[in-house]
Protein backbone atom coordinates (compact mmCIF):
# COMPACT_ATOMS: atom_id res chain seq x y z
CA UNK A 1 -0.59 -15.93 6.08
CA UNK A 2 -0.74 -12.20 6.66
CA UNK A 3 -3.46 -10.68 8.81
CA UNK A 4 -4.75 -7.22 9.60
CA UNK A 5 -7.47 -6.50 12.12
CA UNK A 6 -10.00 -3.70 12.45
CA UNK A 7 -11.23 -3.50 16.05
CA UNK A 8 -14.61 -2.27 14.81
CA UNK A 9 -17.41 -2.40 15.54
CA UNK A 10 -17.84 -4.63 13.82
CA UNK A 11 -14.55 -6.50 14.28
CA UNK A 12 -13.09 -7.48 10.92
CA UNK A 13 -10.02 -9.50 9.97
CA UNK A 14 -8.32 -9.26 6.61
CA UNK A 15 -6.18 -12.21 5.53
CA UNK A 16 -3.77 -12.65 2.64
CA UNK A 17 -2.25 -16.04 1.90
CA UNK A 18 1.42 -15.87 0.88
CA UNK A 19 4.06 -18.40 0.00
CA UNK A 20 7.83 -18.33 0.11
CA UNK A 21 9.05 -16.24 -2.83
CA UNK A 22 5.79 -14.31 -3.24
CA UNK A 23 5.83 -10.52 -3.49
CA UNK A 24 4.38 -9.22 -0.22
CA UNK A 25 1.15 -7.27 -0.68
CA UNK A 26 0.35 -3.93 0.88
CA UNK A 27 -1.78 -4.44 3.97
CA UNK A 28 -3.91 -2.05 6.00
CA UNK A 29 -2.45 -0.98 9.33
CA UNK A 30 -5.39 0.07 11.45
CA UNK A 31 -4.87 3.09 13.68
CA UNK A 32 -8.47 3.25 14.90
CA UNK A 33 -11.70 1.51 13.85
CA UNK A 34 -12.13 2.06 10.13
CA UNK A 35 -9.03 4.30 9.98
CA UNK A 36 -5.89 2.79 8.49
CA UNK A 37 -2.75 3.57 6.57
CA UNK A 38 -1.42 1.25 3.86
CA UNK A 39 1.64 -0.69 5.02
CA UNK A 40 3.87 -1.29 1.94
CA UNK A 41 5.32 -4.62 3.12
CA UNK A 42 7.36 -5.58 0.03
CA UNK A 43 8.90 -2.13 -0.40
CA UNK A 44 9.73 -1.96 3.32
CA UNK A 45 11.29 -5.44 3.21
CA UNK A 46 13.40 -4.63 0.15
CA UNK A 47 14.64 -1.35 1.60
CA UNK A 48 15.58 -3.04 4.85
CA UNK A 49 17.30 -5.94 3.02
CA UNK A 50 19.44 -3.52 0.99
CA UNK A 51 20.83 -2.03 4.20
CA UNK A 52 21.33 -5.36 5.93
CA UNK A 53 24.98 -6.31 6.52
CA UNK A 54 26.32 -8.65 3.80
CA UNK A 55 27.96 -10.96 6.35
CA UNK A 56 24.54 -11.59 7.89
CA UNK A 57 22.86 -11.93 4.47
CA UNK A 58 25.28 -14.75 3.62
CA UNK A 59 24.32 -16.56 6.85
CA UNK A 60 20.61 -16.34 5.99
CA UNK A 61 20.92 -17.15 2.32
CA UNK A 62 23.20 -20.15 2.68
CA UNK A 63 25.72 -21.29 0.08
CA UNK A 64 25.36 -19.95 -3.42
CA UNK A 65 23.74 -22.24 -5.92
CA UNK A 66 26.19 -23.61 -8.49
CA UNK A 67 25.35 -24.63 -12.04
CA UNK A 68 25.89 -28.24 -12.93
CA UNK A 69 28.93 -28.78 -15.12
CA UNK A 70 28.14 -29.87 -18.68
């Protein structure tokens, strides 16, 4: 679950359900009541992952999947 909060008045919460493997949506990042900038979560994640050290990626991803032999 992703959440973004506007301190209002009135106070408002915006929720987005997500599951493992989903593309992350853009979410509002509130700077002041009713003033926000869009936070491009998926693009930010992908950019960060590209620059992440491969040795650490392997630790997080686990062993590579292998195809069953036919």
